[in-house]
């Protein structure tokens, strides 16, 4: 790419790597930028022990998806947490509806004087 050529900013230009891929315009972010990013994303560092093979699997999957393995792990954990919350809520709703149905059946029996 020549420096005097102006590229119109568009999603397509980014996707074709006409924008954002020229190494002449790359700079390494300093630690204050990392801190600002962590704060903006509400990230908290943690320490966790994982099997080496699991970490290698995440690194391989991340590389195939062109992302870092830590962002991939955050995505996986977020998906799991969302899925579990939905599963738990479905179970709570199901249990509540079942109890309500049982209570309604008991009320109907007591009104008619029959017992099951």
PDB file of N, CA and C in Angstrom:
ATOM      1  N   UNK A   1       0.845  -1.165   0.000  1.00  0.00           N
ATOM      2  CA  UNK A   1       0.000   0.000   0.000  1.00  0.00           C
ATOM      3  C   UNK A   1       0.895   1.233   0.000  1.00  0.00           C
ATOM      4  N   UNK A   2       0.541   2.209  -0.799  1.00  0.00           N
ATOM      5  CA  UNK A   2       1.316   3.445  -0.827  1.00  0.00           C
ATOM      6  C   UNK A   2       0.727   4.420   0.163  1.00  0.00           C
ATOM      7  N   UNK A   3       1.586   5.182   0.860  1.00  0.00           N
ATOM      8  CA  UNK A   3       1.089   6.078   1.895  1.00  0.00           C
ATOM      9  C   UNK A   3       0.163   7.169   1.381  1.00  0.00           C
ATOM     10  N   UNK A   4       0.278   7.557   0.095  1.00  0.00           N
ATOM     11  CA  UNK A   4      -0.545   8.641  -0.419  1.00  0.00           C
ATOM     12  C   UNK A   4      -1.910   8.172  -0.918  1.00  0.00           C
ATOM     13  N   UNK A   5      -2.144   6.876  -0.942  1.00  0.00           N
ATOM     14  CA  UNK A   5      -3.429   6.343  -1.396  1.00  0.00           C
ATOM     15  C   UNK A   5      -4.433   6.372  -0.254  1.00  0.00           C
ATOM     16  N   UNK A   6      -5.548   7.021  -0.457  1.00  0.00           N
ATOM     17  CA  UNK A   6      -6.591   7.135   0.569  1.00  0.00           C
ATOM     18  C   UNK A   6      -7.597   6.010   0.374  1.00  0.00           C
ATOM     19  N   UNK A   7      -7.861   5.256   1.433  1.00  0.00           N
ATOM     20  CA  UNK A   7      -8.836   4.168   1.387  1.00  0.00           C
ATOM     21  C   UNK A   7     -10.057   4.611   2.169  1.00  0.00           C
ATOM     22  N   UNK A   8     -11.208   4.494   1.557  1.00  0.00           N
ATOM     23  CA  UNK A   8     -12.447   4.858   2.232  1.00  0.00           C
ATOM     24  C   UNK A   8     -12.711   3.860   3.354  1.00  0.00           C
ATOM     25  N   UNK A   9     -12.977   4.380   4.537  1.00  0.00           N
ATOM     26  CA  UNK A   9     -13.255   3.512   5.676  1.00  0.00           C
ATOM     27  C   UNK A   9     -14.593   2.821   5.515  1.00  0.00           C
ATOM     28  N   UNK A  10     -14.566   1.503   5.487  1.00  0.00           N
ATOM     29  CA  UNK A  10     -15.796   0.718   5.395  1.00  0.00           C
ATOM     30  C   UNK A  10     -15.527  -0.648   6.009  1.00  0.00           C
ATOM     31  N   UNK A  11     -16.597  -1.345   6.335  1.00  0.00           N
ATOM     32  CA  UNK A  11     -16.446  -2.704   6.869  1.00  0.00           C
ATOM     33  C   UNK A  11     -15.721  -3.598   5.867  1.00  0.00           C
ATOM     34  N   UNK A  12     -16.050  -3.414   4.586  1.00  0.00           N
ATOM     35  CA  UNK A  12     -15.438  -4.247   3.554  1.00  0.00           C
ATOM     36  C   UNK A  12     -13.930  -4.004   3.475  1.00  0.00           C
ATOM     37  N   UNK A  13     -13.517  -2.734   3.603  1.00  0.00           N
ATOM     38  CA  UNK A  13     -12.082  -2.423   3.558  1.00  0.00           C
ATOM     39  C   UNK A  13     -11.358  -3.082   4.724  1.00  0.00           C
ATOM     40  N   UNK A  14     -11.979  -3.098   5.890  1.00  0.00           N
ATOM     41  CA  UNK A  14     -11.373  -3.780   7.043  1.00  0.00           C
ATOM     42  C   UNK A  14     -11.326  -5.280   6.793  1.00  0.00           C
ATOM     43  N   UNK A  15     -12.424  -5.840   6.264  1.00  0.00           N
ATOM     44  CA  UNK A  15     -12.477  -7.282   6.003  1.00  0.00           C
ATOM     45  C   UNK A  15     -11.452  -7.715   4.959  1.00  0.00           C
ATOM     46  N   UNK A  16     -11.226  -6.872   3.947  1.00  0.00           N
ATOM     47  CA  UNK A  16     -10.237  -7.190   2.909  1.00  0.00           C
ATOM     48  C   UNK A  16      -8.822  -6.874   3.378  1.00  0.00           C
ATOM     49  N   UNK A  17      -8.697  -6.350   4.592  1.00  0.00           N
ATOM     50  CA  UNK A  17      -7.427  -5.987   5.214  1.00  0.00           C
ATOM     51  C   UNK A  17      -6.723  -4.847   4.479  1.00  0.00           C
ATOM     52  N   UNK A  18      -7.519  -4.022   3.777  1.00  0.00           N
ATOM     53  CA  UNK A  18      -6.960  -2.809   3.193  1.00  0.00           C
ATOM     54  C   UNK A  18      -6.715  -1.783   4.294  1.00  0.00           C
ATOM     55  N   UNK A  19      -7.511  -1.874   5.344  1.00  0.00           N
ATOM     56  CA  UNK A  19      -7.352  -1.020   6.524  1.00  0.00           C
ATOM     57  C   UNK A  19      -6.967  -1.887   7.714  1.00  0.00           C
ATOM     58  N   UNK A  20      -6.121  -1.361   8.559  1.00  0.00           N
ATOM     59  CA  UNK A  20      -5.792  -2.020   9.817  1.00  0.00           C
ATOM     60  C   UNK A  20      -4.761  -3.123   9.747  1.00  0.00           C
ATOM     61  N   UNK A  21      -4.133  -3.337   8.585  1.00  0.00           N
ATOM     62  CA  UNK A  21      -3.187  -4.441   8.467  1.00  0.00           C
ATOM     63  C   UNK A  21      -1.790  -3.999   8.041  1.00  0.00           C
ATOM     64  N   UNK A  22      -1.577  -2.718   7.883  1.00  0.00           N
ATOM     65  CA  UNK A  22      -0.273  -2.216   7.436  1.00  0.00           C
ATOM     66  C   UNK A  22       0.663  -2.113   8.634  1.00  0.00           C
ATOM     67  N   UNK A  23       1.754  -2.885   8.609  1.00  0.00           N
ATOM     68  CA  UNK A  23       2.684  -2.916   9.742  1.00  0.00           C
ATOM     69  C   UNK A  23       3.396  -1.582   9.954  1.00  0.00           C
ATOM     70  N   UNK A  24       3.356  -0.685   8.977  1.00  0.00           N
ATOM     71  CA  UNK A  24       3.962   0.641   9.152  1.00  0.00           C
ATOM     72  C   UNK A  24       3.221   1.482  10.188  1.00  0.00           C
ATOM     73  N   UNK A  25       1.997   1.097  10.498  1.00  0.00           N
ATOM     74  CA  UNK A  25       1.188   1.875  11.424  1.00  0.00           C
ATOM     75  C   UNK A  25       0.937   1.144  12.740  1.00  0.00           C
ATOM     76  N   UNK A  26       1.738   0.120  13.015  1.00  0.00           N
ATOM     77  CA  UNK A  26       1.570  -0.675  14.230  1.00  0.00           C
ATOM     78  C   UNK A  26       2.442  -0.111  15.338  1.00  0.00           C
ATOM     79  N   UNK A  27       1.872  -0.006  16.530  1.00  0.00           N
ATOM     80  CA  UNK A  27       2.652   0.355  17.716  1.00  0.00           C
ATOM     81  C   UNK A  27       2.262  -0.598  18.836  1.00  0.00           C
ATOM     82  N   UNK A  28       3.197  -0.874  19.702  1.00  0.00           N
ATOM     83  CA  UNK A  28       2.936  -1.736  20.846  1.00  0.00           C
ATOM     84  C   UNK A  28       2.252  -0.905  21.916  1.00  0.00           C
ATOM     85  N   UNK A  29       1.164  -1.427  22.436  1.00  0.00           N
ATOM     86  CA  UNK A  29       0.446  -0.724  23.498  1.00  0.00           C
ATOM     87  C   UNK A  29       1.246  -0.819  24.785  1.00  0.00           C
ATOM     88  N   UNK A  30       1.245   0.257  25.553  1.00  0.00           N
ATOM     89  CA  UNK A  30       1.951   0.196  26.832  1.00  0.00           C
ATOM     90  C   UNK A  30       1.018  -0.351  27.909  1.00  0.00           C
ATOM     91  N   UNK A  31       1.565  -0.581  29.097  1.00  0.00           N
ATOM     92  CA  UNK A  31       0.797  -1.196  30.182  1.00  0.00           C
ATOM     93  C   UNK A  31      -0.401  -0.365  30.591  1.00  0.00           C
ATOM     94  N   UNK A  32      -0.311   0.956  30.482  1.00  0.00           N
ATOM     95  CA  UNK A  32      -1.461   1.776  30.873  1.00  0.00           C
ATOM     96  C   UNK A  32      -2.633   1.507  29.947  1.00  0.00           C
ATOM     97  N   UNK A  33      -2.352   1.217  28.666  1.00  0.00           N
ATOM     98  CA  UNK A  33      -3.434   0.863  27.754  1.00  0.00           C
ATOM     99  C   UNK A  33      -4.069  -0.463  28.175  1.00  0.00           C
ATOM    100  N   UNK A  34      -3.251  -1.439  28.565  1.00  0.00           N
ATOM    101  CA  UNK A  34      -3.783  -2.717  29.043  1.00  0.00           C
ATOM    102  C   UNK A  34      -4.671  -2.512  30.258  1.00  0.00           C
ATOM    103  N   UNK A  35      -4.218  -1.676  31.185  1.00  0.00           N
ATOM    104  CA  UNK A  35      -5.011  -1.406  32.385  1.00  0.00           C
ATOM    105  C   UNK A  35      -6.335  -0.744  32.023  1.00  0.00           C
ATOM    106  N   UNK A  36      -6.308   0.188  31.088  1.00  0.00           N
ATOM    107  CA  UNK A  36      -7.535   0.871  30.667  1.00  0.00           C
ATOM    108  C   UNK A  36      -8.492  -0.108  29.994  1.00  0.00           C
ATOM    109  N   UNK A  37      -7.939  -0.999  29.173  1.00  0.00           N
ATOM    110  CA  UNK A  37      -8.776  -2.002  28.504  1.00  0.00           C
ATOM    111  C   UNK A  37      -9.389  -2.943  29.531  1.00  0.00           C
ATOM    112  N   UNK A  38      -8.573  -3.426  30.470  1.00  0.00           N
ATOM    113  CA  UNK A  38      -9.094  -4.309  31.523  1.00  0.00           C
ATOM    114  C   UNK A  38     -10.204  -3.627  32.303  1.00  0.00           C
ATOM    115  N   UNK A  39     -10.009  -2.353  32.636  1.00  0.00           N
ATOM    116  CA  UNK A  39     -11.022  -1.612  33.393  1.00  0.00           C
ATOM    117  C   UNK A  39     -12.291  -1.439  32.559  1.00  0.00           C
ATOM    118  N   UNK A  40     -12.132  -1.099  31.288  1.00  0.00           N
ATOM    119  CA  UNK A  40     -13.292  -0.883  30.423  1.00  0.00           C
ATOM    120  C   UNK A  40     -14.097  -2.165  30.234  1.00  0.00           C
ATOM    121  N   UNK A  41     -13.411  -3.305  30.184  1.00  0.00           N
ATOM    122  CA  UNK A  41     -14.088  -4.591  30.006  1.00  0.00           C
ATOM    123  C   UNK A  41     -14.456  -5.249  31.331  1.00  0.00           C
ATOM    124  N   UNK A  42     -14.152  -4.574  32.435  1.00  0.00           N
ATOM    125  CA  UNK A  42     -14.430  -5.089  33.781  1.00  0.00           C
ATOM    126  C   UNK A  42     -13.778  -6.461  33.989  1.00  0.00           C
ATOM    127  N   UNK A  43     -12.507  -6.577  33.547  1.00  0.00           N
ATOM    128  CA  UNK A  43     -11.771  -7.834  33.675  1.00  0.00           C
ATOM    129  C   UNK A  43     -11.029  -7.885  35.002  1.00  0.00           C
ATOM    130  N   UNK A  44     -11.024  -9.048  35.607  1.00  0.00           N
ATOM    131  CA  UNK A  44     -10.296  -9.274  36.852  1.00  0.00           C
ATOM    132  C   UNK A  44      -9.360 -10.451  36.649  1.00  0.00           C
ATOM    133  N   UNK A  45      -8.070 -10.247  36.890  1.00  0.00           N
ATOM    134  CA  UNK A  45      -7.149 -11.374  36.728  1.00  0.00           C
ATOM    135  C   UNK A  45      -7.411 -12.448  37.788  1.00  0.00           C
ATOM    136  N   UNK A  46      -7.318 -13.702  37.353  1.00  0.00           N
ATOM    137  CA  UNK A  46      -7.468 -14.824  38.287  1.00  0.00           C
ATOM    138  C   UNK A  46      -6.328 -15.802  38.045  1.00  0.00           C
ATOM    139  N   UNK A  47      -6.159 -16.700  38.980  1.00  0.00           N
ATOM    140  CA  UNK A  47      -5.181 -17.768  38.826  1.00  0.00           C
ATOM    141  C   UNK A  47      -5.949 -19.082  38.834  1.00  0.00           C
ATOM    142  N   UNK A  48      -5.691 -19.914  37.844  1.00  0.00           N
ATOM    143  CA  UNK A  48      -6.394 -21.190  37.744  1.00  0.00           C
ATOM    144  C   UNK A  48      -5.415 -22.240  37.231  1.00  0.00           C
ATOM    145  N   UNK A  49      -5.504 -23.429  37.763  1.00  0.00           N
ATOM    146  CA  UNK A  49      -4.634 -24.514  37.318  1.00  0.00           C
ATOM    147  C   UNK A  49      -5.428 -25.397  36.353  1.00  0.00           C
ATOM    148  N   UNK A  50      -4.879 -25.555  35.151  1.00  0.00           N
ATOM    149  CA  UNK A  50      -5.507 -26.379  34.124  1.00  0.00           C
ATOM    150  C   UNK A  50      -4.488 -27.369  33.581  1.00  0.00           C
ATOM    151  N   UNK A  51      -4.989 -28.478  33.052  1.00  0.00           N
ATOM    152  CA  UNK A  51      -4.106 -29.452  32.434  1.00  0.00           C
ATOM    153  C   UNK A  51      -3.423 -28.807  31.223  1.00  0.00           C
ATOM    154  N   UNK A  52      -2.155 -29.140  31.043  1.00  0.00           N
ATOM    155  CA  UNK A  52      -1.401 -28.596  29.906  1.00  0.00           C
ATOM    156  C   UNK A  52      -2.082 -28.931  28.587  1.00  0.00           C
ATOM    157  N   UNK A  53      -2.615 -30.141  28.495  1.00  0.00           N
ATOM    158  CA  UNK A  53      -3.262 -30.550  27.240  1.00  0.00           C
ATOM    159  C   UNK A  53      -4.496 -29.687  26.947  1.00  0.00           C
ATOM    160  N   UNK A  54      -5.227 -29.301  27.994  1.00  0.00           N
ATOM    161  CA  UNK A  54      -6.396 -28.443  27.801  1.00  0.00           C
ATOM    162  C   UNK A  54      -5.976 -27.065  27.303  1.00  0.00           C
ATOM    163  N   UNK A  55      -4.916 -26.532  27.876  1.00  0.00           N
ATOM    164  CA  UNK A  55      -4.406 -25.227  27.437  1.00  0.00           C
ATOM    165  C   UNK A  55      -3.950 -25.311  25.985  1.00  0.00           C
ATOM    166  N   UNK A  56      -3.257 -26.386  25.634  1.00  0.00           N
ATOM    167  CA  UNK A  56      -2.808 -26.559  24.245  1.00  0.00           C
ATOM    168  C   UNK A  56      -4.001 -26.665  23.295  1.00  0.00           C
ATOM    169  N   UNK A  57      -5.050 -27.365  23.734  1.00  0.00           N
ATOM    170  CA  UNK A  57      -6.262 -27.455  22.913  1.00  0.00           C
ATOM    171  C   UNK A  57      -6.858 -26.067  22.679  1.00  0.00           C
ATOM    172  N   UNK A  58      -6.946 -25.267  23.745  1.00  0.00           N
ATOM    173  CA  UNK A  58      -7.484 -23.910  23.605  1.00  0.00           C
ATOM    174  C   UNK A  58      -6.613 -23.069  22.677  1.00  0.00           C
ATOM    175  N   UNK A  59      -5.301 -23.202  22.795  1.00  0.00           N
ATOM    176  CA  UNK A  59      -4.401 -22.440  21.929  1.00  0.00           C
ATOM    177  C   UNK A  59      -4.597 -22.829  20.466  1.00  0.00           C
ATOM    178  N   UNK A  60      -4.752 -24.120  20.196  1.00  0.00           N
ATOM    179  CA  UNK A  60      -4.957 -24.586  18.828  1.00  0.00           C
ATOM    180  C   UNK A  60      -6.288 -24.072  18.279  1.00  0.00           C
ATOM    181  N   UNK A  61      -7.346 -24.197  19.063  1.00  0.00           N
ATOM    182  CA  UNK A  61      -8.668 -23.728  18.631  1.00  0.00           C
ATOM    183  C   UNK A  61      -8.651 -22.218  18.416  1.00  0.00           C
ATOM    184  N   UNK A  62      -8.005 -21.502  19.323  1.00  0.00           N
ATOM    185  CA  UNK A  62      -7.918 -20.044  19.202  1.00  0.00           C
ATOM    186  C   UNK A  62      -7.179 -19.651  17.932  1.00  0.00           C
ATOM    187  N   UNK A  63      -6.083 -20.341  17.654  1.00  0.00           N
ATOM    188  CA  UNK A  63      -5.305 -20.030  16.451  1.00  0.00           C
ATOM    189  C   UNK A  63      -6.141 -20.263  15.196  1.00  0.00           C
ATOM    190  N   UNK A  64      -6.907 -21.334  15.172  1.00  0.00           N
ATOM    191  CA  UNK A  64      -7.767 -21.619  14.022  1.00  0.00           C
ATOM    192  C   UNK A  64      -8.848 -20.558  13.841  1.00  0.00           C
ATOM    193  N   UNK A  65      -9.212 -19.888  14.939  1.00  0.00           N
ATOM    194  CA  UNK A  65     -10.240 -18.848  14.891  1.00  0.00           C
ATOM    195  C   UNK A  65      -9.654 -17.442  14.886  1.00  0.00           C
ATOM    196  N   UNK A  66      -8.335 -17.348  14.744  1.00  0.00           N
ATOM    197  CA  UNK A  66      -7.640 -16.052  14.681  1.00  0.00           C
ATOM    198  C   UNK A  66      -7.902 -15.161  15.889  1.00  0.00           C
ATOM    199  N   UNK A  67      -7.934 -15.768  17.076  1.00  0.00           N
ATOM    200  CA  UNK A  67      -8.041 -14.984  18.306  1.00  0.00           C
ATOM    201  C   UNK A  67      -7.044 -15.545  19.313  1.00  0.00           C
ATOM    202  N   UNK A  68      -6.817 -14.812  20.379  1.00  0.00           N
ATOM    203  CA  UNK A  68      -5.951 -15.300  21.436  1.00  0.00           C
ATOM    204  C   UNK A  68      -6.662 -16.368  22.253  1.00  0.00           C
ATOM    205  N   UNK A  69      -5.885 -17.201  22.925  1.00  0.00           N
ATOM    206  CA  UNK A  69      -6.531 -18.283  23.673  1.00  0.00           C
ATOM    207  C   UNK A  69      -7.236 -17.777  24.926  1.00  0.00           C
ATOM    208  N   UNK A  70      -6.754 -16.696  25.535  1.00  0.00           N
ATOM    209  CA  UNK A  70      -7.443 -16.177  26.714  1.00  0.00           C
ATOM    210  C   UNK A  70      -8.807 -15.581  26.367  1.00  0.00           C
ATOM    211  N   UNK A  71      -8.920 -14.777  25.296  1.00  0.00           N
ATOM    212  CA  UNK A  71     -10.264 -14.337  24.908  1.00  0.00           C
ATOM    213  C   UNK A  71     -11.180 -15.512  24.563  1.00  0.00           C
ATOM    214  N   UNK A  72     -10.619 -16.553  23.932  1.00  0.00           N
ATOM    215  CA  UNK A  72     -11.419 -17.739  23.633  1.00  0.00           C
ATOM    216  C   UNK A  72     -11.921 -18.377  24.923  1.00  0.00           C
ATOM    217  N   UNK A  73     -11.045 -18.504  25.915  1.00  0.00           N
ATOM    218  CA  UNK A  73     -11.453 -19.101  27.191  1.00  0.00           C
ATOM    219  C   UNK A  73     -12.544 -18.257  27.850  1.00  0.00           C
ATOM    220  N   UNK A  74     -12.430 -16.924  27.768  1.00  0.00           N
ATOM    221  CA  UNK A  74     -13.484 -16.054  28.314  1.00  0.00           C
ATOM    222  C   UNK A  74     -14.804 -16.304  27.600  1.00  0.00           C
ATOM    223  N   UNK A  75     -14.746 -16.443  26.263  1.00  0.00           N
ATOM    224  CA  UNK A  75     -15.966 -16.714  25.498  1.00  0.00           C
ATOM    225  C   UNK A  75     -16.588 -18.041  25.908  1.00  0.00           C
ATOM    226  N   UNK A  76     -15.763 -19.070  26.037  1.00  0.00           N
ATOM    227  CA  UNK A  76     -16.264 -20.397  26.408  1.00  0.00           C
ATOM    228  C   UNK A  76     -16.891 -20.360  27.799  1.00  0.00           C
ATOM    229  N   UNK A  77     -16.211 -19.725  28.737  1.00  0.00           N
ATOM    230  CA  UNK A  77     -16.750 -19.639  30.100  1.00  0.00           C
ATOM    231  C   UNK A  77     -18.041 -18.833  30.130  1.00  0.00           C
ATOM    232  N   UNK A  78     -18.103 -17.746  29.369  1.00  0.00           N
ATOM    233  CA  UNK A  78     -19.322 -16.933  29.321  1.00  0.00           C
ATOM    234  C   UNK A  78     -20.475 -17.732  28.720  1.00  0.00           C
ATOM    235  N   UNK A  79     -20.198 -18.472  27.637  1.00  0.00           N
ATOM    236  CA  UNK A  79     -21.244 -19.308  27.030  1.00  0.00           C
ATOM    237  C   UNK A  79     -21.742 -20.362  28.011  1.00  0.00           C
ATOM    238  N   UNK A  80     -20.807 -20.992  28.721  1.00  0.00           N
ATOM    239  CA  UNK A  80     -21.196 -22.013  29.691  1.00  0.00           C
ATOM    240  C   UNK A  80     -22.053 -21.401  30.795  1.00  0.00           C
ATOM    241  N   UNK A  81     -21.618 -20.259  31.333  1.00  0.00           N
ATOM    242  CA  UNK A  81     -22.373 -19.614  32.411  1.00  0.00           C
ATOM    243  C   UNK A  81     -23.771 -19.227  31.930  1.00  0.00           C
ATOM    244  N   UNK A  82     -23.884 -18.660  30.728  1.00  0.00           N
ATOM    245  CA  UNK A  82     -25.197 -18.301  30.180  1.00  0.00           C
ATOM    246  C   UNK A  82     -26.074 -19.532  30.019  1.00  0.00           C
ATOM    247  N   UNK A  83     -25.498 -20.599  29.490  1.00  0.00           N
ATOM    248  CA  UNK A  83     -26.238 -21.840  29.285  1.00  0.00           C
ATOM    249  C   UNK A  83     -26.730 -22.423  30.610  1.00  0.00           C
ATOM    250  N   UNK A  84     -25.869 -22.425  31.610  1.00  0.00           N
ATOM    251  CA  UNK A  84     -26.256 -22.962  32.918  1.00  0.00           C
ATOM    252  C   UNK A  84     -27.339 -22.114  33.575  1.00  0.00           C
ATOM    253  N   UNK A  85     -27.223 -20.782  33.458  1.00  0.00           N
ATOM    254  CA  UNK A  85     -28.262 -19.913  34.025  1.00  0.00           C
ATOM    255  C   UNK A  85     -29.609 -20.193  33.369  1.00  0.00           C
ATOM    256  N   UNK A  86     -29.609 -20.359  32.042  1.00  0.00           N
ATOM    257  CA  UNK A  86     -30.858 -20.668  31.336  1.00  0.00           C
ATOM    258  C   UNK A  86     -31.406 -22.016  31.772  1.00  0.00           C
ATOM    259  N   UNK A  87     -30.524 -23.009  31.908  1.00  0.00           N
ATOM    260  CA  UNK A  87     -30.965 -24.343  32.333  1.00  0.00           C
ATOM    261  C   UNK A  87     -31.587 -24.285  33.720  1.00  0.00           C
ATOM    262  N   UNK A  88     -30.937 -23.560  34.622  1.00  0.00           N
ATOM    263  CA  UNK A  88     -31.440 -23.433  35.993  1.00  0.00           C
ATOM    264  C   UNK A  88     -32.783 -22.714  36.002  1.00  0.00           C
ATOM    265  N   UNK A  89     -32.896 -21.631  35.232  1.00  0.00           N
ATOM    266  CA  UNK A  89     -34.163 -20.897  35.175  1.00  0.00           C
ATOM    267  C   UNK A  89     -35.278 -21.757  34.594  1.00  0.00           C
ATOM    268  N   UNK A  90     -34.968 -22.539  33.543  1.00  0.00           N
ATOM    269  CA  UNK A  90     -35.985 -23.443  32.988  1.00  0.00           C
ATOM    270  C   UNK A  90     -36.435 -24.452  34.034  1.00  0.00           C
ATOM    271  N   UNK A  91     -35.498 -24.972  34.819  1.00  0.00           N
ATOM    272  CA  UNK A  91     -35.842 -25.941  35.855  1.00  0.00           C
ATOM    273  C   UNK A  91     -36.710 -25.305  36.931  1.00  0.00           C
ATOM    274  N   UNK A  92     -36.371 -24.081  37.330  1.00  0.00           N
ATOM    275  CA  UNK A  92     -37.164 -23.372  38.342  1.00  0.00           C
ATOM    276  C   UNK A  92     -38.585 -23.142  37.830  1.00  0.00           C
ATOM    277  N   UNK A  93     -38.708 -22.700  36.576  1.00  0.00           N
ATOM    278  CA  UNK A  93     -40.036 -22.470  35.997  1.00  0.00           C
ATOM    279  C   UNK A  93     -40.807 -23.779  35.922  1.00  0.00           C
ATOM    280  N   UNK A  94     -40.144 -24.840  35.474  1.00  0.00           N
ATOM    281  CA  UNK A  94     -40.792 -26.142  35.372  1.00  0.00           C
ATOM    282  C   UNK A  94     -41.271 -26.625  36.741  1.00  0.00           C
ATOM    283  N   UNK A  95     -40.418 -26.513  37.757  1.00  0.00           N
ATOM    284  CA  UNK A  95     -40.796 -26.930  39.112  1.00  0.00           C
ATOM    285  C   UNK A  95     -41.950 -26.091  39.639  1.00  0.00           C
ATOM    286  N   UNK A  96     -41.910 -24.791  39.384  1.00  0.00           N
ATOM    287  CA  UNK A  96     -42.973 -23.897  39.850  1.00  0.00           C
ATOM    288  C   UNK A  96     -44.299 -24.257  39.190  1.00  0.00           C
ATOM    289  N   UNK A  97     -44.285 -24.485  37.874  1.00  0.00           N
ATOM    290  CA  UNK A  97     -45.516 -24.855  37.173  1.00  0.00           C
ATOM    291  C   UNK A  97     -46.047 -26.198  37.650  1.00  0.00           C
ATOM    292  N   UNK A  98     -45.142 -27.157  37.901  1.00  0.00           N
ATOM    293  CA  UNK A  98     -45.563 -28.475  38.393  1.00  0.00           C
ATOM    294  C   UNK A  98     -46.223 -28.343  39.756  1.00  0.00           C
ATOM    295  N   UNK A  99     -45.594 -27.565  40.662  1.00  0.00           N
ATOM    296  CA  UNK A  99     -46.176 -27.373  42.000  1.00  0.00           C
ATOM    297  C   UNK A  99     -47.525 -26.667  41.914  1.00  0.00           C
ATOM    298  N   UNK A 100     -47.625 -25.690  41.028  1.00  0.00           N
ATOM    299  CA  UNK A 100     -48.882 -24.970  40.858  1.00  0.00           C
ATOM    300  C   UNK A 100     -49.978 -25.918  40.384  1.00  0.00           C
ATOM    301  N   UNK A 101     -49.636 -26.784  39.433  1.00  0.00           N
ATOM    302  CA  UNK A 101     -50.594 -27.756  38.911  1.00  0.00           C
ATOM    303  C   UNK A 101     -51.024 -28.720  40.014  1.00  0.00           C
ATOM    304  N   UNK A 102     -50.055 -29.178  40.827  1.00  0.00           N
ATOM    305  CA  UNK A 102     -50.380 -30.072  41.940  1.00  0.00           C
ATOM    306  C   UNK A 102     -51.274 -29.368  42.953  1.00  0.00           C
ATOM    307  N   UNK A 103     -50.956 -28.112  43.259  1.00  0.00           N
ATOM    308  CA  UNK A 103     -51.776 -27.345  44.207  1.00  0.00           C
ATOM    309  C   UNK A 103     -53.188 -27.148  43.670  1.00  0.00           C
ATOM    310  N   UNK A 104     -53.306 -26.854  42.371  1.00  0.00           N
ATOM    311  CA  UNK A 104     -54.628 -26.681  41.764  1.00  0.00           C
ATOM    312  C   UNK A 104     -55.423 -27.978  41.829  1.00  0.00           C
ATOM    313  N   UNK A 105     -54.745 -29.109  41.599  1.00  0.00           N
ATOM    314  CA  UNK A 105     -55.419 -30.410  41.657  1.00  0.00           C
ATOM    315  C   UNK A 105     -55.887 -30.697  43.079  1.00  0.00           C
ATOM    316  N   UNK A 106     -55.056 -30.376  44.075  1.00  0.00           N
ATOM    317  CA  UNK A 106     -55.443 -30.579  45.474  1.00  0.00           C
ATOM    318  C   UNK A 106     -56.618 -29.684  45.842  1.00  0.00           C
ATOM    319  N   UNK A 107     -56.604 -28.441  45.368  1.00  0.00           N
ATOM    320  CA  UNK A 107     -57.717 -27.524  45.635  1.00  0.00           C
ATOM    321  C   UNK A 107     -59.005 -28.052  45.014  1.00  0.00           C
ATOM    322  N   UNK A 108     -58.921 -28.558  43.798  1.00  0.00           N
ATOM    323  CA  UNK A 108     -60.103 -29.093  43.121  1.00  0.00           C
ATOM    324  C   UNK A 108     -60.640 -30.305  43.867  1.00  0.00           C
ATOM    325  N   UNK A 109     -59.741 -31.161  44.373  1.00  0.00           N
ATOM    326  CA  UNK A 109     -60.171 -32.340  45.121  1.00  0.00           C
ATOM    327  C   UNK A 109     -60.835 -31.942  46.426  1.00  0.00           C
ATOM    328  N   UNK A 110     -60.291 -30.952  47.105  1.00  0.00           N
ATOM    329  CA  UNK A 110     -60.874 -30.555  48.391  1.00  0.00           C
ATOM    330  C   UNK A 110     -62.235 -29.900  48.193  1.00  0.00           C
ATOM    331  N   UNK A 111     -62.450 -29.230  47.068  1.00  0.00           N
ATOM    332  CA  UNK A 111     -63.744 -28.606  46.795  1.00  0.00           C
ATOM    333  C   UNK A 111     -64.798 -29.644  46.459  1.00  0.00           C
ATOM    334  N   UNK A 112     -64.395 -30.736  45.801  1.00  0.00           N
ATOM    335  CA  UNK A 112     -65.359 -31.775  45.424  1.00  0.00           C
ATOM    336  C   UNK A 112     -65.487 -32.845  46.495  1.00  0.00           C
ATOM    337  N   UNK A 113     -64.574 -32.808  47.448  1.00  0.00           N
ATOM    338  CA  UNK A 113     -64.618 -33.786  48.527  1.00  0.00           C
ATOM    339  C   UNK A 113     -64.039 -35.129  48.156  1.00  0.00           C
ATOM    340  N   UNK A 114     -63.385 -35.222  47.019  1.00  0.00           N
ATOM    341  CA  UNK A 114     -62.758 -36.489  46.636  1.00  0.00           C
ATOM    342  C   UNK A 114     -61.291 -36.452  46.988  1.00  0.00           C
ATOM    343  N   UNK A 115     -60.749 -37.597  47.237  1.00  0.00           N
ATOM    344  CA  UNK A 115     -59.323 -37.713  47.547  1.00  0.00           C
ATOM    345  C   UNK A 115     -58.726 -38.753  46.631  1.00  0.00           C
ATOM    346  N   UNK A 116     -57.501 -38.473  46.119  1.00  0.00           N
ATOM    347  CA  UNK A 116     -56.862 -39.379  45.174  1.00  0.00           C
ATOM    348  C   UNK A 116     -56.017 -40.333  45.824  1.00  0.00           C
TER     349      UNK A 116
END
